[in-house]
Amino acid sequence: MQFPNYIDTRKAFDQGMSFQGRVDKKRLLRLVEVMAQPGRLEVDASLRVFRDDNNFRRISGAVKGVISVYCQRCLNPLVLKIHDDINLVLLESEGELTNLESGLDPWIIDGTYLDPSEIIEEQVLLSMPIVSFHDEGECSNDIIDGIMVEDSDRELKENPFDVLKTLL
């Protein structure tokens, strides 16, 4: 079954529905914002919604794909491979967080309809590195490289914490 635009939470969790396939990048607007232009954005996901033994509404599955972002060293496009598991509990308020089992992440919803692309997009964003770089030796930025070498040389020559060694 393809990804719907919305899931009616009143029925889907009781019926134990599953969804899988490629998510249209038109529905992943926050990812498009961080994508290198021209770039590549392909996200495949599988989701299963069900009620567990404790009657919690659970969402499990996986997300994988590729996204082109900018390398923070050379500012050229870099293709990141993304893979992450999804293990969420659907809650209606923050007050329900106290009953949450460890190892489960909350997803708070307002209303009865859930957009699965929001969950997938959030999971991809969380699985991306904070800063993206090409592998060492694949790119360079002479200005940044010079600053890093200069800083490491200065650290070797003058360490302000050397004074603390005399106190021991």
C-alpha atoms as a PDB file:
ATOM      1  CA  MET A   1       0.000   0.000   0.000  1.00  0.00           C
ATOM      2  CA  GLN A   2       1.362   3.450  -0.933  1.00  0.00           C
ATOM      3  CA  PHE A   3       1.700   6.285   1.545  1.00  0.00           C
ATOM      4  CA  PRO A   4      -1.536   8.157   2.013  1.00  0.00           C
ATOM      5  CA  ASN A   5      -1.607  11.889   2.653  1.00  0.00           C
ATOM      6  CA  TYR A   6      -3.277  11.306   6.009  1.00  0.00           C
ATOM      7  CA  ILE A   7      -4.078   8.392   8.275  1.00  0.00           C
ATOM      8  CA  ASP A   8      -7.272   8.310  10.320  1.00  0.00           C
ATOM      9  CA  THR A   9      -5.882   7.241  13.698  1.00  0.00           C
ATOM     10  CA  ARG A  10      -9.263   6.013  14.913  1.00  0.00           C
ATOM     11  CA  LYS A  11      -9.238   3.163  12.370  1.00  0.00           C
ATOM     12  CA  ALA A  12      -5.649   2.573  11.261  1.00  0.00           C
ATOM     13  CA  PHE A  13      -4.223   1.507  14.629  1.00  0.00           C
ATOM     14  CA  ASP A  14      -7.072  -0.870  15.375  1.00  0.00           C
ATOM     15  CA  GLN A  15      -6.726  -2.456  11.932  1.00  0.00           C
ATOM     16  CA  GLY A  16      -2.903  -2.718  12.113  1.00  0.00           C
ATOM     17  CA  MET A  17      -2.252  -1.060   8.760  1.00  0.00           C
ATOM     18  CA  SER A  18       1.115  -1.009   6.951  1.00  0.00           C
ATOM     19  CA  PHE A  19       2.491   1.404   4.371  1.00  0.00           C
ATOM     20  CA  GLN A  20       5.649   1.243   2.288  1.00  0.00           C
ATOM     21  CA  GLY A  21       7.204   2.851  -0.727  1.00  0.00           C
ATOM     22  CA  ARG A  22       8.889   6.014  -1.936  1.00  0.00           C
ATOM     23  CA  VAL A  23       7.756   9.264  -0.376  1.00  0.00           C
ATOM     24  CA  ASP A  24       7.123  12.089  -2.845  1.00  0.00           C
ATOM     25  CA  LYS A  25       9.660  14.858  -2.251  1.00  0.00           C
ATOM     26  CA  LYS A  26       6.866  17.414  -2.628  1.00  0.00           C
ATOM     27  CA  ARG A  27       5.725  16.203   0.793  1.00  0.00           C
ATOM     28  CA  LEU A  28       9.213  16.603   2.342  1.00  0.00           C
ATOM     29  CA  LEU A  29       9.567  20.386   2.254  1.00  0.00           C
ATOM     30  CA  ARG A  30      12.014  20.715   5.172  1.00  0.00           C
ATOM     31  CA  LEU A  31      14.354  18.223   3.492  1.00  0.00           C
ATOM     32  CA  VAL A  32      14.119  20.102   0.205  1.00  0.00           C
ATOM     33  CA  GLU A  33      15.283  23.234   2.099  1.00  0.00           C
ATOM     34  CA  VAL A  34      18.539  21.571   3.233  1.00  0.00           C
ATOM     35  CA  MET A  35      19.128  19.789  -0.076  1.00  0.00           C
ATOM     36  CA  ALA A  36      21.967  20.940  -2.340  1.00  0.00           C
ATOM     37  CA  GLN A  37      20.757  22.399  -5.628  1.00  0.00           C
ATOM     38  CA  PRO A  38      20.689  20.712  -8.057  1.00  0.00           C
ATOM     39  CA  GLY A  39      20.483  17.714  -5.860  1.00  0.00           C
ATOM     40  CA  ARG A  40      19.055  14.337  -5.156  1.00  0.00           C
ATOM     41  CA  LEU A  41      16.396  13.413  -2.627  1.00  0.00           C
ATOM     42  CA  GLU A  42      15.045   9.872  -2.551  1.00  0.00           C
ATOM     43  CA  VAL A  43      13.358   8.547   0.562  1.00  0.00           C
ATOM     44  CA  ASP A  44      11.885   5.057   0.891  1.00  0.00           C
ATOM     45  CA  ALA A  45      10.058   4.079   4.044  1.00  0.00           C
ATOM     46  CA  SER A  46       7.955   1.410   5.622  1.00  0.00           C
ATOM     47  CA  LEU A  47       5.559   2.074   8.486  1.00  0.00           C
ATOM     48  CA  ARG A  48       3.353  -0.204  10.496  1.00  0.00           C
ATOM     49  CA  VAL A  49       0.728   1.237  12.841  1.00  0.00           C
ATOM     50  CA  PHE A  50      -0.754  -0.983  15.538  1.00  0.00           C
ATOM     51  CA  ARG A  51      -1.849  -1.215  19.157  1.00  0.00           C
ATOM     52  CA  ASP A  52       0.594  -2.995  21.444  1.00  0.00           C
ATOM     53  CA  ASP A  53      -0.163  -5.193  24.480  1.00  0.00           C
ATOM     54  CA  ASN A  54      -0.495  -2.097  26.691  1.00  0.00           C
ATOM     55  CA  ASN A  55      -2.950  -0.553  24.208  1.00  0.00           C
ATOM     56  CA  PHE A  56      -0.436   2.115  23.157  1.00  0.00           C
ATOM     57  CA  ARG A  57      -0.732   3.278  19.567  1.00  0.00           C
ATOM     58  CA  ARG A  58       2.639   2.344  18.096  1.00  0.00           C
ATOM     59  CA  ILE A  59       4.381   3.267  14.863  1.00  0.00           C
ATOM     60  CA  SER A  60       7.307   1.128  13.789  1.00  0.00           C
ATOM     61  CA  GLY A  61       9.273   0.849  10.610  1.00  0.00           C
ATOM     62  CA  ALA A  62      12.354   2.101   8.828  1.00  0.00           C
ATOM     63  CA  VAL A  63      13.453   4.886   6.558  1.00  0.00           C
ATOM     64  CA  LYS A  64      16.288   4.843   4.050  1.00  0.00           C
ATOM     65  CA  GLY A  65      17.385   6.982   1.187  1.00  0.00           C
ATOM     66  CA  VAL A  66      19.848   9.508  -0.164  1.00  0.00           C
ATOM     67  CA  ILE A  67      19.973  13.271   0.071  1.00  0.00           C
ATOM     68  CA  SER A  68      22.384  15.725  -1.509  1.00  0.00           C
ATOM     69  CA  VAL A  69      23.600  18.362   0.939  1.00  0.00           C
ATOM     70  CA  TYR A  70      26.473  20.828   0.904  1.00  0.00           C
ATOM     71  CA  CYS A  71      29.855  19.793   2.312  1.00  0.00           C
ATOM     72  CA  GLN A  72      30.694  22.218   5.113  1.00  0.00           C
ATOM     73  CA  ARG A  73      34.371  22.208   4.088  1.00  0.00           C
ATOM     74  CA  CYS A  74      34.336  22.803   0.324  1.00  0.00           C
ATOM     75  CA  LEU A  75      30.667  23.833  -0.137  1.00  0.00           C
ATOM     76  CA  ASN A  76      30.235  21.372  -3.004  1.00  0.00           C
ATOM     77  CA  PRO A  77      27.378  18.842  -3.106  1.00  0.00           C
ATOM     78  CA  LEU A  78      27.761  15.700  -1.024  1.00  0.00           C
ATOM     79  CA  VAL A  79      25.458  12.660  -1.167  1.00  0.00           C
ATOM     80  CA  LEU A  80      24.466  11.301   2.253  1.00  0.00           C
ATOM     81  CA  LYS A  81      23.047   7.816   2.655  1.00  0.00           C
ATOM     82  CA  ILE A  82      20.377   7.693   5.317  1.00  0.00           C
ATOM     83  CA  HIS A  83      19.081   4.667   7.193  1.00  0.00           C
ATOM     84  CA  ASP A  84      17.206   4.686  10.476  1.00  0.00           C
ATOM     85  CA  ASP A  85      14.606   2.680  12.362  1.00  0.00           C
ATOM     86  CA  ILE A  86      11.341   4.177  13.571  1.00  0.00           C
ATOM     87  CA  ASN A  87       9.881   3.214  16.940  1.00  0.00           C
ATOM     88  CA  LEU A  88       7.279   5.727  18.112  1.00  0.00           C
ATOM     89  CA  VAL A  89       4.265   5.909  20.385  1.00  0.00           C
ATOM     90  CA  LEU A  90       1.417   8.178  19.352  1.00  0.00           C
ATOM     91  CA  LEU A  91       0.288  10.422  22.213  1.00  0.00           C
ATOM     92  CA  GLU A  92      -2.374  13.108  22.445  1.00  0.00           C
ATOM     93  CA  SER A  93      -0.714  15.234  25.145  1.00  0.00           C
ATOM     94  CA  GLU A  94       2.549  15.683  27.019  1.00  0.00           C
ATOM     95  CA  GLY A  95       0.792  14.411  30.142  1.00  0.00           C
ATOM     96  CA  GLU A  96       0.905  10.913  28.701  1.00  0.00           C
ATOM     97  CA  LEU A  97       4.725  10.965  28.657  1.00  0.00           C
ATOM     98  CA  THR A  98       4.856   9.632  32.229  1.00  0.00           C
ATOM     99  CA  ASN A  99       3.384   6.283  31.114  1.00  0.00           C
ATOM    100  CA  LEU A 100       5.852   5.856  28.267  1.00  0.00           C
ATOM    101  CA  GLU A 101       8.076   2.774  28.201  1.00  0.00           C
ATOM    102  CA  SER A 102      11.819   3.332  27.845  1.00  0.00           C
ATOM    103  CA  GLY A 103      13.181   2.956  24.333  1.00  0.00           C
ATOM    104  CA  LEU A 104      10.097   4.469  22.739  1.00  0.00           C
ATOM    105  CA  ASP A 105       9.956   7.975  21.345  1.00  0.00           C
ATOM    106  CA  PRO A 106       6.784  10.031  21.637  1.00  0.00           C
ATOM    107  CA  TRP A 107       4.955  11.565  18.693  1.00  0.00           C
ATOM    108  CA  ILE A 108       2.342  14.003  19.936  1.00  0.00           C
ATOM    109  CA  ILE A 109      -0.642  14.533  17.659  1.00  0.00           C
ATOM    110  CA  ASP A 110      -3.418  17.085  17.734  1.00  0.00           C
ATOM    111  CA  GLY A 111      -6.615  15.676  16.296  1.00  0.00           C
ATOM    112  CA  THR A 112      -7.425  12.368  14.686  1.00  0.00           C
ATOM    113  CA  TYR A 113      -5.457  12.623  11.443  1.00  0.00           C
ATOM    114  CA  LEU A 114      -1.758  11.835  11.090  1.00  0.00           C
ATOM    115  CA  ASP A 115       0.461  12.786   8.140  1.00  0.00           C
ATOM    116  CA  PRO A 116       2.978   9.918   7.725  1.00  0.00           C
ATOM    117  CA  SER A 117       5.319  12.097   5.635  1.00  0.00           C
ATOM    118  CA  GLU A 118       5.896  14.306   8.713  1.00  0.00           C
ATOM    119  CA  ILE A 119       7.132  11.306  10.692  1.00  0.00           C
ATOM    120  CA  ILE A 120       9.391  10.161   7.865  1.00  0.00           C
ATOM    121  CA  GLU A 121      10.786  13.652   7.288  1.00  0.00           C
ATOM    122  CA  GLU A 122      11.514  14.120  11.005  1.00  0.00           C
ATOM    123  CA  GLN A 123      13.260  10.744  11.188  1.00  0.00           C
ATOM    124  CA  VAL A 124      15.478  11.584   8.196  1.00  0.00           C
ATOM    125  CA  LEU A 125      16.394  14.968   9.710  1.00  0.00           C
ATOM    126  CA  LEU A 126      17.265  13.333  13.036  1.00  0.00           C
ATOM    127  CA  SER A 127      19.434  10.712  11.354  1.00  0.00           C
ATOM    128  CA  MET A 128      21.479  13.246   9.378  1.00  0.00           C
ATOM    129  CA  PRO A 129      24.843  14.324  10.801  1.00  0.00           C
ATOM    130  CA  ILE A 130      24.984  17.748  12.445  1.00  0.00           C
ATOM    131  CA  VAL A 131      27.753  18.809  10.056  1.00  0.00           C
ATOM    132  CA  SER A 132      28.371  17.119   6.732  1.00  0.00           C
ATOM    133  CA  PHE A 133      31.851  16.696   5.237  1.00  0.00           C
ATOM    134  CA  HIS A 134      33.323  14.724   2.370  1.00  0.00           C
ATOM    135  CA  ASP A 135      35.662  11.954   3.494  1.00  0.00           C
ATOM    136  CA  GLU A 136      39.159  13.133   4.345  1.00  0.00           C
ATOM    137  CA  GLY A 137      41.176  13.811   1.216  1.00  0.00           C
ATOM    138  CA  GLU A 138      38.151  14.086  -1.103  1.00  0.00           C
ATOM    139  CA  CYS A 139      37.891  17.853  -0.807  1.00  0.00           C
ATOM    140  CA  SER A 140      39.666  20.801   0.683  1.00  0.00           C
ATOM    141  CA  ASN A 141      39.213  24.426   1.468  1.00  0.00           C
ATOM    142  CA  ASP A 142      42.605  26.147   1.653  1.00  0.00           C
ATOM    143  CA  ILE A 143      41.386  28.873   4.020  1.00  0.00           C
ATOM    144  CA  ILE A 144      39.828  26.438   6.507  1.00  0.00           C
ATOM    145  CA  ASP A 145      42.749  24.004   6.220  1.00  0.00           C
ATOM    146  CA  GLY A 146      45.195  26.847   6.964  1.00  0.00           C
ATOM    147  CA  ILE A 147      43.235  27.940  10.028  1.00  0.00           C
ATOM    148  CA  MET A 148      43.081  24.379  11.355  1.00  0.00           C
ATOM    149  CA  VAL A 149      46.847  23.895  10.924  1.00  0.00           C
ATOM    150  CA  GLU A 150      47.526  27.285  12.539  1.00  0.00           C
ATOM    151  CA  ASP A 151      45.282  26.431  15.504  1.00  0.00           C
ATOM    152  CA  SER A 152      46.922  23.053  16.054  1.00  0.00           C
ATOM    153  CA  ASP A 153      50.411  24.645  15.911  1.00  0.00           C
ATOM    154  CA  ARG A 154      49.399  27.324  18.407  1.00  0.00           C
ATOM    155  CA  GLU A 155      47.926  24.703  20.722  1.00  0.00           C
ATOM    156  CA  LEU A 156      51.224  22.811  20.712  1.00  0.00           C
ATOM    157  CA  LYS A 157      53.243  25.953  21.453  1.00  0.00           C
ATOM    158  CA  GLU A 158      51.153  27.747  24.038  1.00  0.00           C
ATOM    159  CA  ASN A 159      48.656  25.912  26.140  1.00  0.00           C
ATOM    160  CA  PRO A 160      46.992  28.213  28.694  1.00  0.00           C
ATOM    161  CA  PHE A 161      46.362  25.258  30.972  1.00  0.00           C
ATOM    162  CA  ASP A 162      50.086  24.521  31.388  1.00  0.00           C
ATOM    163  CA  VAL A 163      49.964  26.847  34.401  1.00  0.00           C
ATOM    164  CA  LEU A 164      47.762  24.343  36.186  1.00  0.00           C
ATOM    165  CA  LYS A 165      50.539  21.725  36.057  1.00  0.00           C
ATOM    166  CA  THR A 166      52.585  23.831  38.501  1.00  0.00           C
ATOM    167  CA  LEU A 167      49.781  23.629  41.069  1.00  0.00           C
ATOM    168  CA  LEU A 168      49.971  19.836  41.380  1.00  0.00           C
END
